[in-house]
């Protein structure tokens, strides 16, 4: 199971951290503000007050053992760059960093960031779901309990029609549309077949969507 470290727990970072933890993943939350750390402590696996730009402190936390680092430090661009550089140098395989501008993003990419997110464009919840499953292409939260998800077709779905798959009975979700190449079927019927590389747009309760995510990742 993937392990995540979230550095910077403002509104966006806290959203990412809490969602990942809610999905059942180990999450270490780091922030330099003690009040912020205390506020999120009950919503993640571990929460630590640390300055993420101090190499010794970050190294002591065993950052190299984490699969993904999500750096969501606020308006301090220098700290954002330093933290990104440190976790990358310490061996974290995949580093996602929040950027304030296109120029900031260019710098982050140059020092090794694998993915850049802009809070204005990417909700924390959406980013979290993208990170835990390579099959989840997009995630839109409609309400606290319900969401719309774009998910790549699983191998076991290929060649079967929607009636055979019976997504509502098996997963508790409804298929709203099927994307194939550049074509979008916005009102699929029971006889429409799911093919390789298709993308299904489904709507359902978050608990049911999580079951599909875990199935996609081979988790029980």
Protein backbone atom coordinates (compact mmCIF):
# COMPACT_ATOMS: atom_id res chain seq x y z
CA UNK A 1 0.00 0.00 0.00
CA UNK A 2 1.27 3.45 -0.91
CA UNK A 3 2.46 5.79 1.82
CA UNK A 4 2.02 9.55 1.49
CA UNK A 5 3.64 12.54 3.14
CA UNK A 6 1.85 15.88 2.87
CA UNK A 7 4.02 18.92 3.57
CA UNK A 8 2.08 22.08 4.31
CA UNK A 9 -1.37 21.58 5.78
CA UNK A 10 -3.32 24.67 4.92
CA UNK A 11 -6.79 24.30 3.39
CA UNK A 12 -5.58 22.57 0.23
CA UNK A 13 -2.97 20.35 1.88
CA UNK A 14 -5.36 19.35 4.66
CA UNK A 15 -7.96 18.38 2.07
CA UNK A 16 -5.46 16.13 0.28
CA UNK A 17 -4.20 14.58 3.52
CA UNK A 18 -7.63 13.90 5.01
CA UNK A 19 -8.96 12.41 1.77
CA UNK A 20 -5.99 10.07 1.39
CA UNK A 21 -6.35 8.97 5.00
CA UNK A 22 -10.08 8.48 4.52
CA UNK A 23 -9.30 6.18 1.59
CA UNK A 24 -7.31 3.97 3.95
CA UNK A 25 -3.75 5.07 3.20
CA UNK A 26 -0.95 5.91 5.62
CA UNK A 27 -0.48 9.67 5.68
CA UNK A 28 2.20 11.71 7.44
CA UNK A 29 1.21 15.38 7.68
CA UNK A 30 3.95 17.97 8.20
CA UNK A 31 3.60 21.65 8.97
CA UNK A 32 5.73 24.21 10.79
CA UNK A 33 2.69 25.59 12.63
CA UNK A 34 1.92 23.70 15.85
CA UNK A 35 -1.76 24.71 15.84
CA UNK A 36 -2.18 23.39 12.29
CA UNK A 37 -0.53 20.10 13.26
CA UNK A 38 -2.80 19.69 16.27
CA UNK A 39 -5.82 20.50 14.14
CA UNK A 40 -5.14 17.73 11.63
CA UNK A 41 -3.64 15.11 13.97
CA UNK A 42 -6.86 13.13 14.36
CA UNK A 43 -7.48 13.05 10.60
CA UNK A 44 -4.20 11.44 9.45
CA UNK A 45 -1.90 8.59 10.50
CA UNK A 46 0.77 10.89 11.96
CA UNK A 47 1.16 14.66 12.18
CA UNK A 48 4.49 16.34 12.95
CA UNK A 49 5.61 19.92 13.50
CA UNK A 50 8.71 20.33 11.35
CA UNK A 51 10.27 22.96 9.11
CA UNK A 52 10.32 21.13 5.77
CA UNK A 53 13.26 23.22 4.54
CA UNK A 54 15.58 21.79 7.23
CA UNK A 55 17.28 18.78 5.71
CA UNK A 56 18.23 17.13 9.00
CA UNK A 57 14.71 17.29 10.38
CA UNK A 58 13.13 15.96 7.20
CA UNK A 59 15.70 13.20 6.87
CA UNK A 60 15.08 12.09 10.47
CA UNK A 61 11.42 11.44 9.62
CA UNK A 62 12.42 8.73 7.15
CA UNK A 63 11.00 10.60 4.16
CA UNK A 64 12.83 8.28 1.74
CA UNK A 65 10.45 5.50 2.76
CA UNK A 66 7.39 7.30 1.39
CA UNK A 67 6.08 6.59 -2.09
CA UNK A 68 4.59 10.02 -2.73
CA UNK A 69 5.28 13.49 -1.34
CA UNK A 70 2.65 16.20 -1.77
CA UNK A 71 4.08 19.64 -1.09
CA UNK A 72 1.39 22.26 -0.58
CA UNK A 73 3.32 25.02 1.17
CA UNK A 74 1.44 28.31 0.90
CA UNK A 75 2.73 31.56 -0.49
CA UNK A 76 6.39 31.04 0.42
CA UNK A 77 7.79 30.08 -2.96
CA UNK A 78 11.35 29.66 -1.66
CA UNK A 79 10.22 27.15 0.98
CA UNK A 80 8.18 25.31 -1.64
CA UNK A 81 11.23 24.98 -3.89
CA UNK A 82 13.52 23.95 -1.05
CA UNK A 83 11.12 21.29 0.25
CA UNK A 84 10.64 19.89 -3.26
CA UNK A 85 14.37 19.69 -3.82
CA UNK A 86 14.99 18.04 -0.44
CA UNK A 87 12.39 15.28 -0.71
CA UNK A 88 13.49 14.50 -4.24
CA UNK A 89 17.15 14.29 -3.22
CA UNK A 90 16.21 12.10 -0.26
CA UNK A 91 14.73 9.52 -2.60
CA UNK A 92 10.96 10.03 -2.74
CA UNK A 93 9.91 8.53 -6.08
CA UNK A 94 6.95 10.78 -6.91
CA UNK A 95 6.72 14.41 -5.86
CA UNK A 96 3.65 16.58 -6.37
CA UNK A 97 4.01 20.29 -5.62
CA UNK A 98 1.54 23.15 -5.50
CA UNK A 99 2.58 26.10 -7.65
CA UNK A 100 1.60 29.75 -7.42
CA UNK A 101 2.29 30.63 -11.04
CA UNK A 102 3.50 29.21 -14.34
CA UNK A 103 7.02 30.50 -13.62
CA UNK A 104 6.99 28.83 -10.20
CA UNK A 105 5.87 25.62 -11.93
CA UNK A 106 8.75 25.77 -14.42
CA UNK A 107 11.27 26.04 -11.59
CA UNK A 108 9.67 23.13 -9.73
CA UNK A 109 9.79 20.92 -12.81
CA UNK A 110 13.44 21.77 -13.34
CA UNK A 111 14.39 20.68 -9.83
CA UNK A 112 12.60 17.36 -10.16
CA UNK A 113 8.90 17.74 -9.34
CA UNK A 114 6.92 15.01 -11.12
CA UNK A 115 3.61 16.83 -11.13
CA UNK A 116 2.47 20.38 -10.52
CA UNK A 117 -0.98 21.35 -9.27
CA UNK A 118 -2.66 24.72 -9.13
CA UNK A 119 -5.19 25.04 -6.29
CA UNK A 120 -7.45 27.17 -8.47
CA UNK A 121 -7.69 24.32 -10.96
CA UNK A 122 -7.33 21.20 -8.82
CA UNK A 123 -9.41 20.47 -5.75
CA UNK A 124 -7.50 18.67 -3.02
CA UNK A 125 -9.98 15.80 -3.08
CA UNK A 126 -9.55 15.34 -6.82
CA UNK A 127 -5.75 15.27 -6.55
CA UNK A 128 -5.90 12.68 -3.76
CA UNK A 129 -8.06 10.31 -5.78
CA UNK A 130 -5.82 10.73 -8.84
CA UNK A 131 -2.81 9.78 -6.73
CA UNK A 132 -4.15 6.56 -5.25
CA UNK A 133 -5.37 5.01 -8.49
CA UNK A 134 -3.87 5.25 -11.96
CA UNK A 135 -7.30 4.26 -13.32
CA UNK A 136 -9.01 7.31 -11.84
CA UNK A 137 -8.62 10.05 -14.45
CA UNK A 138 -10.82 12.73 -12.93
CA UNK A 139 -12.83 13.14 -9.76
CA UNK A 140 -15.51 15.73 -9.07
CA UNK A 141 -17.10 15.93 -5.64
CA UNK A 142 -20.79 16.76 -6.00
CA UNK A 143 -21.62 16.58 -2.29
CA UNK A 144 -19.95 15.25 0.86
CA UNK A 145 -21.08 11.72 -0.01
CA UNK A 146 -21.46 11.64 -3.81
CA UNK A 147 -19.04 12.15 -6.69
CA UNK A 148 -18.59 11.82 -10.44
CA UNK A 149 -15.52 9.86 -11.53
CA UNK A 150 -13.81 9.18 -14.85
CA UNK A 151 -12.24 5.74 -14.69
CA UNK A 152 -10.27 3.75 -17.26
CA UNK A 153 -11.95 0.47 -18.10
CA UNK A 154 -10.65 -2.48 -16.11
CA UNK A 155 -9.42 -5.51 -18.04
CA UNK A 156 -12.27 -7.66 -16.74
CA UNK A 157 -14.83 -5.19 -18.14
CA UNK A 158 -13.49 -5.29 -21.69
CA UNK A 159 -15.73 -6.92 -24.28
CA UNK A 160 -18.80 -6.90 -22.03
CA UNK A 161 -21.86 -4.72 -22.39
CA UNK A 162 -23.32 -2.61 -19.59
CA UNK A 163 -26.09 -5.12 -18.94
CA UNK A 164 -23.52 -7.87 -18.36
CA UNK A 165 -21.41 -5.63 -16.16
CA UNK A 166 -24.44 -4.49 -14.14
CA UNK A 167 -22.41 -1.72 -12.49
CA UNK A 168 -25.30 -0.62 -10.31
CA UNK A 169 -25.74 -4.04 -8.73
CA UNK A 170 -22.02 -4.88 -8.45
CA UNK A 171 -20.61 -1.49 -7.50
CA UNK A 172 -23.56 0.73 -6.64
CA UNK A 173 -22.72 3.28 -9.35
CA UNK A 174 -24.45 4.45 -12.51
CA UNK A 175 -22.66 4.85 -15.85
CA UNK A 176 -23.37 8.33 -17.22
CA UNK A 177 -21.20 8.19 -20.33
CA UNK A 178 -18.55 6.17 -22.17
CA UNK A 179 -15.58 7.81 -23.87
CA UNK A 180 -13.89 5.96 -26.72
CA UNK A 181 -11.07 7.79 -28.47
CA UNK A 182 -12.45 11.20 -29.38
CA UNK A 183 -16.07 10.03 -29.23
CA UNK A 184 -18.35 10.39 -26.21
CA UNK A 185 -21.54 8.38 -25.76
CA UNK A 186 -23.52 10.50 -23.30
CA UNK A 187 -26.48 8.14 -23.05
CA UNK A 188 -25.12 4.59 -23.17
CA UNK A 189 -27.63 1.75 -23.41
CA UNK A 190 -27.54 -1.69 -21.84
CA UNK A 191 -26.13 -3.24 -25.03
CA UNK A 192 -23.20 -0.81 -25.40
CA UNK A 193 -19.91 -2.69 -25.07
CA UNK A 194 -16.96 -1.49 -23.00
CA UNK A 195 -13.73 -1.76 -24.98
CA UNK A 196 -10.07 -1.55 -24.14
CA UNK A 197 -8.93 2.00 -23.30
CA UNK A 198 -12.52 3.20 -22.88
CA UNK A 199 -13.21 5.70 -20.11
CA UNK A 200 -16.39 5.33 -18.07
CA UNK A 201 -17.97 8.35 -16.43
CA UNK A 202 -19.79 7.09 -13.35
CA UNK A 203 -21.71 8.67 -10.50
CA UNK A 204 -22.18 7.15 -7.09
CA UNK A 205 -21.68 7.21 -3.35
CA UNK A 206 -18.06 7.77 -2.33
CA UNK A 207 -17.96 4.43 -0.47
CA UNK A 208 -18.93 2.58 -3.64
CA UNK A 209 -16.45 4.53 -5.77
CA UNK A 210 -13.70 3.59 -3.32
CA UNK A 211 -14.49 -0.09 -3.93
CA UNK A 212 -13.79 0.41 -7.64
CA UNK A 213 -10.57 2.28 -6.86
CA UNK A 214 -9.34 -0.56 -4.68
CA UNK A 215 -10.32 -3.15 -7.27
CA UNK A 216 -8.40 -1.18 -9.90
CA UNK A 217 -5.32 -1.23 -7.72
CA UNK A 218 -5.70 -4.92 -6.82
CA UNK A 219 -6.39 -4.12 -3.16
CA UNK A 220 -8.80 -6.01 -0.95
